[in-house]
Amino acid sequence: MKQYDPAAYWDQLSIPTLIIEAEGEELFDRKLNGQALHASLKDRVHTRYLVLPGTHYAIYQDQGYTQALKAAQDWFVAHLK
């Protein structure tokens, strides 16, 4: 896992990208991950950066999950035509 560096490939991304993060993300630094990805893409790729309330795992359950699922479904409907 230490060798995994997805940021090394951000400049190759050329498709619409939805980024969903938890406001209280405790596993990753949002500034170095989702925010940085959004900043690197926003001027050349259609992107949306969505921050949901709660911690990392909150977006996988209850209202957080419902919000993330709706955002993803809407994104796919809009961009996978």
PDB file of N, CA and C in Angstrom:
ATOM      1  N   MET A   1       0.823  -1.193   0.000  1.00  0.00           N
ATOM      2  CA  MET A   1       0.000   0.000   0.000  1.00  0.00           C
ATOM      3  C   MET A   1       0.870   1.261   0.000  1.00  0.00           C
ATOM      4  N   LYS A   2       2.026   1.197   0.597  1.00  0.00           N
ATOM      5  CA  LYS A   2       2.893   2.375   0.656  1.00  0.00           C
ATOM      6  C   LYS A   2       3.333   2.820  -0.733  1.00  0.00           C
ATOM      7  N   GLN A   3       3.410   1.891  -1.685  1.00  0.00           N
ATOM      8  CA  GLN A   3       3.841   2.236  -3.032  1.00  0.00           C
ATOM      9  C   GLN A   3       2.686   2.737  -3.883  1.00  0.00           C
ATOM     10  N   TYR A   4       1.466   2.618  -3.410  1.00  0.00           N
ATOM     11  CA  TYR A   4       0.288   3.051  -4.158  1.00  0.00           C
ATOM     12  C   TYR A   4       0.228   4.572  -4.152  1.00  0.00           C
ATOM     13  N   ASP A   5       0.285   5.174  -5.332  1.00  0.00           N
ATOM     14  CA  ASP A   5       0.285   6.632  -5.451  1.00  0.00           C
ATOM     15  C   ASP A   5      -0.645   7.061  -6.578  1.00  0.00           C
ATOM     16  N   PRO A   6      -1.952   7.111  -6.328  1.00  0.00           N
ATOM     17  CA  PRO A   6      -2.881   7.480  -7.394  1.00  0.00           C
ATOM     18  C   PRO A   6      -2.639   8.888  -7.930  1.00  0.00           C
ATOM     19  N   ALA A   7      -2.069   9.776  -7.132  1.00  0.00           N
ATOM     20  CA  ALA A   7      -1.822  11.141  -7.589  1.00  0.00           C
ATOM     21  C   ALA A   7      -0.845  11.169  -8.766  1.00  0.00           C
ATOM     22  N   ALA A   8      -0.045  10.138  -8.917  1.00  0.00           N
ATOM     23  CA  ALA A   8       0.907  10.077 -10.025  1.00  0.00           C
ATOM     24  C   ALA A   8       0.195  10.003 -11.376  1.00  0.00           C
ATOM     25  N   TYR A   9      -1.095   9.671 -11.359  1.00  0.00           N
ATOM     26  CA  TYR A   9      -1.843   9.492 -12.606  1.00  0.00           C
ATOM     27  C   TYR A   9      -2.913  10.566 -12.839  1.00  0.00           C
ATOM     28  N   TRP A  10      -3.029  11.527 -11.941  1.00  0.00           N
ATOM     29  CA  TRP A  10      -4.069  12.550 -12.077  1.00  0.00           C
ATOM     30  C   TRP A  10      -3.979  13.294 -13.399  1.00  0.00           C
ATOM     31  N   ASP A  11      -2.788  13.542 -13.882  1.00  0.00           N
ATOM     32  CA  ASP A  11      -2.638  14.305 -15.120  1.00  0.00           C
ATOM     33  C   ASP A  11      -3.130  13.517 -16.341  1.00  0.00           C
ATOM     34  N   GLN A  12      -3.333  12.214 -16.199  1.00  0.00           N
ATOM     35  CA  GLN A  12      -3.833  11.386 -17.293  1.00  0.00           C
ATOM     36  C   GLN A  12      -5.356  11.270 -17.296  1.00  0.00           C
ATOM     37  N   LEU A  13      -5.997  11.718 -16.242  1.00  0.00           N
ATOM     38  CA  LEU A  13      -7.451  11.620 -16.130  1.00  0.00           C
ATOM     39  C   LEU A  13      -8.111  12.557 -17.129  1.00  0.00           C
ATOM     40  N   SER A  14      -9.041  12.035 -17.908  1.00  0.00           N
ATOM     41  CA  SER A  14      -9.681  12.860 -18.943  1.00  0.00           C
ATOM     42  C   SER A  14     -11.185  12.667 -19.010  1.00  0.00           C
ATOM     43  N   ILE A  15     -11.770  12.095 -17.981  1.00  0.00           N
ATOM     44  CA  ILE A  15     -13.213  11.847 -17.979  1.00  0.00           C
ATOM     45  C   ILE A  15     -13.855  12.630 -16.829  1.00  0.00           C
ATOM     46  N   PRO A  16     -15.163  12.921 -16.926  1.00  0.00           N
ATOM     47  CA  PRO A  16     -15.842  13.590 -15.819  1.00  0.00           C
ATOM     48  C   PRO A  16     -15.643  12.804 -14.521  1.00  0.00           C
ATOM     49  N   THR A  17     -15.352  13.521 -13.451  1.00  0.00           N
ATOM     50  CA  THR A  17     -14.966  12.874 -12.201  1.00  0.00           C
ATOM     51  C   THR A  17     -15.753  13.441 -11.027  1.00  0.00           C
ATOM     52  N   LEU A  18     -16.391  12.558 -10.285  1.00  0.00           N
ATOM     53  CA  LEU A  18     -17.106  12.906  -9.063  1.00  0.00           C
ATOM     54  C   LEU A  18     -16.238  12.486  -7.881  1.00  0.00           C
ATOM     55  N   ILE A  19     -16.003  13.423  -6.984  1.00  0.00           N
ATOM     56  CA  ILE A  19     -15.191  13.165  -5.790  1.00  0.00           C
ATOM     57  C   ILE A  19     -16.097  13.355  -4.580  1.00  0.00           C
ATOM     58  N   ILE A  20     -16.239  12.320  -3.771  1.00  0.00           N
ATOM     59  CA  ILE A  20     -17.070  12.392  -2.568  1.00  0.00           C
ATOM     60  C   ILE A  20     -16.179  12.120  -1.368  1.00  0.00           C
ATOM     61  N   GLU A  21     -16.197  13.038  -0.424  1.00  0.00           N
ATOM     62  CA  GLU A  21     -15.418  12.877   0.802  1.00  0.00           C
ATOM     63  C   GLU A  21     -16.282  13.200   2.009  1.00  0.00           C
ATOM     64  N   ALA A  22     -15.855  12.687   3.151  1.00  0.00           N
ATOM     65  CA  ALA A  22     -16.516  12.982   4.418  1.00  0.00           C
ATOM     66  C   ALA A  22     -15.901  14.234   5.031  1.00  0.00           C
ATOM     67  N   GLU A  23     -16.752  15.087   5.558  1.00  0.00           N
ATOM     68  CA  GLU A  23     -16.275  16.330   6.178  1.00  0.00           C
ATOM     69  C   GLU A  23     -15.296  16.053   7.319  1.00  0.00           C
ATOM     70  N   GLY A  24     -15.594  15.033   8.088  1.00  0.00           N
ATOM     71  CA  GLY A  24     -14.736  14.682   9.225  1.00  0.00           C
ATOM     72  C   GLY A  24     -13.836  13.505   8.911  1.00  0.00           C
ATOM     73  N   GLU A  25     -13.332  13.452   7.697  1.00  0.00           N
ATOM     74  CA  GLU A  25     -12.465  12.345   7.259  1.00  0.00           C
ATOM     75  C   GLU A  25     -11.279  12.193   8.206  1.00  0.00           C
ATOM     76  N   GLU A  26     -11.172  11.010   8.796  1.00  0.00           N
ATOM     77  CA  GLU A  26     -10.114  10.795   9.767  1.00  0.00           C
ATOM     78  C   GLU A  26      -9.016   9.863   9.259  1.00  0.00           C
ATOM     79  N   LEU A  27      -9.194   9.243   8.096  1.00  0.00           N
ATOM     80  CA  LEU A  27      -8.202   8.303   7.577  1.00  0.00           C
ATOM     81  C   LEU A  27      -7.239   8.946   6.582  1.00  0.00           C
ATOM     82  N   PHE A  28      -7.670   9.995   5.918  1.00  0.00           N
ATOM     83  CA  PHE A  28      -6.860  10.654   4.900  1.00  0.00           C
ATOM     84  C   PHE A  28      -6.934  12.164   5.087  1.00  0.00           C
ATOM     85  N   ASP A  29      -5.916  12.858   4.683  1.00  0.00           N
ATOM     86  CA  ASP A  29      -5.928  14.314   4.711  1.00  0.00           C
ATOM     87  C   ASP A  29      -6.671  14.807   3.470  1.00  0.00           C
ATOM     88  N   ARG A  30      -7.839  15.411   3.658  1.00  0.00           N
ATOM     89  CA  ARG A  30      -8.659  15.863   2.524  1.00  0.00           C
ATOM     90  C   ARG A  30      -7.902  16.847   1.638  1.00  0.00           C
ATOM     91  N   LYS A  31      -7.040  17.668   2.221  1.00  0.00           N
ATOM     92  CA  LYS A  31      -6.297  18.649   1.427  1.00  0.00           C
ATOM     93  C   LYS A  31      -5.333  17.969   0.456  1.00  0.00           C
ATOM     94  N   LEU A  32      -4.845  16.792   0.820  1.00  0.00           N
ATOM     95  CA  LEU A  32      -3.889  16.073  -0.026  1.00  0.00           C
ATOM     96  C   LEU A  32      -4.554  15.050  -0.940  1.00  0.00           C
ATOM     97  N   ASN A  33      -5.848  14.847  -0.762  1.00  0.00           N
ATOM     98  CA  ASN A  33      -6.543  13.829  -1.532  1.00  0.00           C
ATOM     99  C   ASN A  33      -7.642  14.448  -2.386  1.00  0.00           C
ATOM    100  N   GLY A  34      -8.871  14.436  -1.915  1.00  0.00           N
ATOM    101  CA  GLY A  34      -9.990  14.927  -2.718  1.00  0.00           C
ATOM    102  C   GLY A  34      -9.868  16.375  -3.146  1.00  0.00           C
ATOM    103  N   GLN A  35      -9.474  17.237  -2.231  1.00  0.00           N
ATOM    104  CA  GLN A  35      -9.325  18.658  -2.580  1.00  0.00           C
ATOM    105  C   GLN A  35      -8.224  18.846  -3.616  1.00  0.00           C
ATOM    106  N   ALA A  36      -7.126  18.144  -3.442  1.00  0.00           N
ATOM    107  CA  ALA A  36      -6.008  18.264  -4.383  1.00  0.00           C
ATOM    108  C   ALA A  36      -6.380  17.703  -5.749  1.00  0.00           C
ATOM    109  N   LEU A  37      -7.094  16.576  -5.769  1.00  0.00           N
ATOM    110  CA  LEU A  37      -7.538  16.009  -7.041  1.00  0.00           C
ATOM    111  C   LEU A  37      -8.470  16.976  -7.751  1.00  0.00           C
ATOM    112  N   HIS A  38      -9.431  17.508  -7.032  1.00  0.00           N
ATOM    113  CA  HIS A  38     -10.367  18.466  -7.627  1.00  0.00           C
ATOM    114  C   HIS A  38      -9.626  19.677  -8.191  1.00  0.00           C
ATOM    115  N   ALA A  39      -8.697  20.215  -7.424  1.00  0.00           N
ATOM    116  CA  ALA A  39      -7.929  21.381  -7.878  1.00  0.00           C
ATOM    117  C   ALA A  39      -7.130  21.067  -9.142  1.00  0.00           C
ATOM    118  N   SER A  40      -6.605  19.861  -9.237  1.00  0.00           N
ATOM    119  CA  SER A  40      -5.792  19.520 -10.406  1.00  0.00           C
ATOM    120  C   SER A  40      -6.638  19.251 -11.648  1.00  0.00           C
ATOM    121  N   LEU A  41      -7.912  18.927 -11.453  1.00  0.00           N
ATOM    122  CA  LEU A  41      -8.780  18.584 -12.591  1.00  0.00           C
ATOM    123  C   LEU A  41      -9.701  19.699 -13.054  1.00  0.00           C
ATOM    124  N   LYS A  42     -10.110  20.568 -12.148  1.00  0.00           N
ATOM    125  CA  LYS A  42     -11.238  21.469 -12.407  1.00  0.00           C
ATOM    126  C   LYS A  42     -11.108  22.355 -13.646  1.00  0.00           C
ATOM    127  N   ASP A  43      -9.901  22.641 -14.079  1.00  0.00           N
ATOM    128  CA  ASP A  43      -9.731  23.513 -15.243  1.00  0.00           C
ATOM    129  C   ASP A  43      -9.667  22.749 -16.567  1.00  0.00           C
ATOM    130  N   ARG A  44      -9.648  21.417 -16.502  1.00  0.00           N
ATOM    131  CA  ARG A  44      -9.547  20.659 -17.758  1.00  0.00           C
ATOM    132  C   ARG A  44     -10.524  19.493 -17.873  1.00  0.00           C
ATOM    133  N   VAL A  45     -11.137  19.091 -16.769  1.00  0.00           N
ATOM    134  CA  VAL A  45     -12.078  17.976 -16.763  1.00  0.00           C
ATOM    135  C   VAL A  45     -13.311  18.404 -15.962  1.00  0.00           C
ATOM    136  N   HIS A  46     -14.492  18.032 -16.448  1.00  0.00           N
ATOM    137  CA  HIS A  46     -15.704  18.340 -15.674  1.00  0.00           C
ATOM    138  C   HIS A  46     -15.645  17.538 -14.381  1.00  0.00           C
ATOM    139  N   THR A  47     -15.705  18.239 -13.262  1.00  0.00           N
ATOM    140  CA  THR A  47     -15.574  17.574 -11.967  1.00  0.00           C
ATOM    141  C   THR A  47     -16.534  18.186 -10.961  1.00  0.00           C
ATOM    142  N   ARG A  48     -16.893  17.382  -9.988  1.00  0.00           N
ATOM    143  CA  ARG A  48     -17.699  17.858  -8.863  1.00  0.00           C
ATOM    144  C   ARG A  48     -17.053  17.333  -7.596  1.00  0.00           C
ATOM    145  N   TYR A  49     -16.882  18.213  -6.641  1.00  0.00           N
ATOM    146  CA  TYR A  49     -16.295  17.852  -5.347  1.00  0.00           C
ATOM    147  C   TYR A  49     -17.387  18.000  -4.305  1.00  0.00           C
ATOM    148  N   LEU A  50     -17.796  16.890  -3.722  1.00  0.00           N
ATOM    149  CA  LEU A  50     -18.897  16.858  -2.765  1.00  0.00           C
ATOM    150  C   LEU A  50     -18.379  16.426  -1.410  1.00  0.00           C
ATOM    151  N   VAL A  51     -18.671  17.222  -0.389  1.00  0.00           N
ATOM    152  CA  VAL A  51     -18.278  16.892   0.979  1.00  0.00           C
ATOM    153  C   VAL A  51     -19.552  16.629   1.770  1.00  0.00           C
ATOM    154  N   LEU A  52     -19.637  15.427   2.330  1.00  0.00           N
ATOM    155  CA  LEU A  52     -20.802  15.041   3.114  1.00  0.00           C
ATOM    156  C   LEU A  52     -20.474  15.099   4.596  1.00  0.00           C
ATOM    157  N   PRO A  53     -21.459  15.420   5.433  1.00  0.00           N
ATOM    158  CA  PRO A  53     -21.204  15.468   6.872  1.00  0.00           C
ATOM    159  C   PRO A  53     -20.842  14.090   7.420  1.00  0.00           C
ATOM    160  N   GLY A  54     -20.075  14.096   8.489  1.00  0.00           N
ATOM    161  CA  GLY A  54     -19.731  12.848   9.151  1.00  0.00           C
ATOM    162  C   GLY A  54     -18.291  12.443   8.931  1.00  0.00           C
ATOM    163  N   THR A  55     -17.977  11.254   9.412  1.00  0.00           N
ATOM    164  CA  THR A  55     -16.630  10.712   9.299  1.00  0.00           C
ATOM    165  C   THR A  55     -16.552   9.752   8.112  1.00  0.00           C
ATOM    166  N   HIS A  56     -15.376   9.183   7.904  1.00  0.00           N
ATOM    167  CA  HIS A  56     -15.122   8.325   6.748  1.00  0.00           C
ATOM    168  C   HIS A  56     -16.223   7.278   6.540  1.00  0.00           C
ATOM    169  N   TYR A  57     -16.543   6.532   7.559  1.00  0.00           N
ATOM    170  CA  TYR A  57     -17.495   5.432   7.401  1.00  0.00           C
ATOM    171  C   TYR A  57     -18.955   5.885   7.411  1.00  0.00           C
ATOM    172  N   ALA A  58     -19.213   7.115   7.796  1.00  0.00           N
ATOM    173  CA  ALA A  58     -20.596   7.618   7.817  1.00  0.00           C
ATOM    174  C   ALA A  58     -21.198   7.692   6.412  1.00  0.00           C
ATOM    175  N   ILE A  59     -20.373   7.863   5.390  1.00  0.00           N
ATOM    176  CA  ILE A  59     -20.926   7.941   4.043  1.00  0.00           C
ATOM    177  C   ILE A  59     -21.252   6.561   3.469  1.00  0.00           C
ATOM    178  N   TYR A  60     -21.020   5.517   4.262  1.00  0.00           N
ATOM    179  CA  TYR A  60     -21.360   4.156   3.844  1.00  0.00           C
ATOM    180  C   TYR A  60     -22.581   3.624   4.580  1.00  0.00           C
ATOM    181  N   GLN A  61     -23.259   4.490   5.322  1.00  0.00           N
ATOM    182  CA  GLN A  61     -24.431   4.034   6.076  1.00  0.00           C
ATOM    183  C   GLN A  61     -25.444   5.157   6.248  1.00  0.00           C
ATOM    184  N   ASP A  62     -26.675   4.761   6.442  1.00  0.00           N
ATOM    185  CA  ASP A  62     -27.786   5.664   6.745  1.00  0.00           C
ATOM    186  C   ASP A  62     -27.886   6.846   5.776  1.00  0.00           C
ATOM    187  N   GLN A  63     -28.054   8.051   6.312  1.00  0.00           N
ATOM    188  CA  GLN A  63     -28.268   9.233   5.474  1.00  0.00           C
ATOM    189  C   GLN A  63     -27.043   9.567   4.614  1.00  0.00           C
ATOM    190  N   GLY A  64     -25.854   9.366   5.148  1.00  0.00           N
ATOM    191  CA  GLY A  64     -24.641   9.618   4.364  1.00  0.00           C
ATOM    192  C   GLY A  64     -24.592   8.740   3.129  1.00  0.00           C
ATOM    193  N   TYR A  65     -24.955   7.475   3.300  1.00  0.00           N
ATOM    194  CA  TYR A  65     -24.976   6.544   2.175  1.00  0.00           C
ATOM    195  C   TYR A  65     -26.015   6.968   1.146  1.00  0.00           C
ATOM    196  N   THR A  66     -27.187   7.350   1.630  1.00  0.00           N
ATOM    197  CA  THR A  66     -28.256   7.785   0.732  1.00  0.00           C
ATOM    198  C   THR A  66     -27.820   9.003  -0.082  1.00  0.00           C
ATOM    199  N   GLN A  67     -27.171   9.962   0.557  1.00  0.00           N
ATOM    200  CA  GLN A  67     -26.690  11.160  -0.140  1.00  0.00           C
ATOM    201  C   GLN A  67     -25.606  10.810  -1.163  1.00  0.00           C
ATOM    202  N   ALA A  68     -24.656   9.974  -0.768  1.00  0.00           N
ATOM    203  CA  ALA A  68     -23.569   9.594  -1.672  1.00  0.00           C
ATOM    204  C   ALA A  68     -24.115   8.797  -2.856  1.00  0.00           C
ATOM    205  N   LEU A  69     -25.035   7.884  -2.589  1.00  0.00           N
ATOM    206  CA  LEU A  69     -25.627   7.074  -3.652  1.00  0.00           C
ATOM    207  C   LEU A  69     -26.390   7.944  -4.641  1.00  0.00           C
ATOM    208  N   LYS A  70     -27.181   8.889  -4.157  1.00  0.00           N
ATOM    209  CA  LYS A  70     -27.946   9.781  -5.034  1.00  0.00           C
ATOM    210  C   LYS A  70     -27.007  10.615  -5.899  1.00  0.00           C
ATOM    211  N   ALA A  71     -25.956  11.150  -5.290  1.00  0.00           N
ATOM    212  CA  ALA A  71     -24.992  11.963  -6.046  1.00  0.00           C
ATOM    213  C   ALA A  71     -24.322  11.120  -7.134  1.00  0.00           C
ATOM    214  N   ALA A  72     -23.947   9.893  -6.800  1.00  0.00           N
ATOM    215  CA  ALA A  72     -23.297   9.016  -7.780  1.00  0.00           C
ATOM    216  C   ALA A  72     -24.262   8.635  -8.899  1.00  0.00           C
ATOM    217  N   GLN A  73     -25.483   8.314  -8.552  1.00  0.00           N
ATOM    218  CA  GLN A  73     -26.478   7.959  -9.566  1.00  0.00           C
ATOM    219  C   GLN A  73     -26.739   9.137 -10.506  1.00  0.00           C
ATOM    220  N   ASP A  74     -26.913  10.311  -9.950  1.00  0.00           N
ATOM    221  CA  ASP A  74     -27.146  11.504 -10.765  1.00  0.00           C
ATOM    222  C   ASP A  74     -25.950  11.773 -11.685  1.00  0.00           C
ATOM    223  N   TRP A  75     -24.748  11.590 -11.149  1.00  0.00           N
ATOM    224  CA  TRP A  75     -23.530  11.812 -11.925  1.00  0.00           C
ATOM    225  C   TRP A  75     -23.463  10.841 -13.104  1.00  0.00           C
ATOM    226  N   PHE A  76     -23.736   9.584 -12.842  1.00  0.00           N
ATOM    227  CA  PHE A  76     -23.673   8.578 -13.906  1.00  0.00           C
ATOM    228  C   PHE A  76     -24.728   8.819 -14.965  1.00  0.00           C
ATOM    229  N   VAL A  77     -25.919   9.182 -14.558  1.00  0.00           N
ATOM    230  CA  VAL A  77     -26.976   9.462 -15.528  1.00  0.00           C
ATOM    231  C   VAL A  77     -26.565  10.640 -16.414  1.00  0.00           C
ATOM    232  N   ALA A  78     -25.978  11.647 -15.819  1.00  0.00           N
ATOM    233  CA  ALA A  78     -25.584  12.842 -16.573  1.00  0.00           C
ATOM    234  C   ALA A  78     -24.386  12.611 -17.497  1.00  0.00           C
ATOM    235  N   HIS A  79     -23.475  11.739 -17.104  1.00  0.00           N
ATOM    236  CA  HIS A  79     -22.206  11.642 -17.839  1.00  0.00           C
ATOM    237  C   HIS A  79     -21.961  10.320 -18.565  1.00  0.00           C
ATOM    238  N   LEU A  80     -22.823   9.354 -18.389  1.00  0.00           N
ATOM    239  CA  LEU A  80     -22.630   8.077 -19.085  1.00  0.00           C
ATOM    240  C   LEU A  80     -23.698   7.884 -20.157  1.00  0.00           C
ATOM    241  N   LYS A  81     -23.744   8.817 -21.063  1.00  0.00           N
ATOM    242  CA  LYS A  81     -24.726   8.742 -22.146  1.00  0.00           C
ATOM    243  C   LYS A  81     -24.066   8.236 -23.405  1.00  0.00           C
TER     244      LYS A  81
END
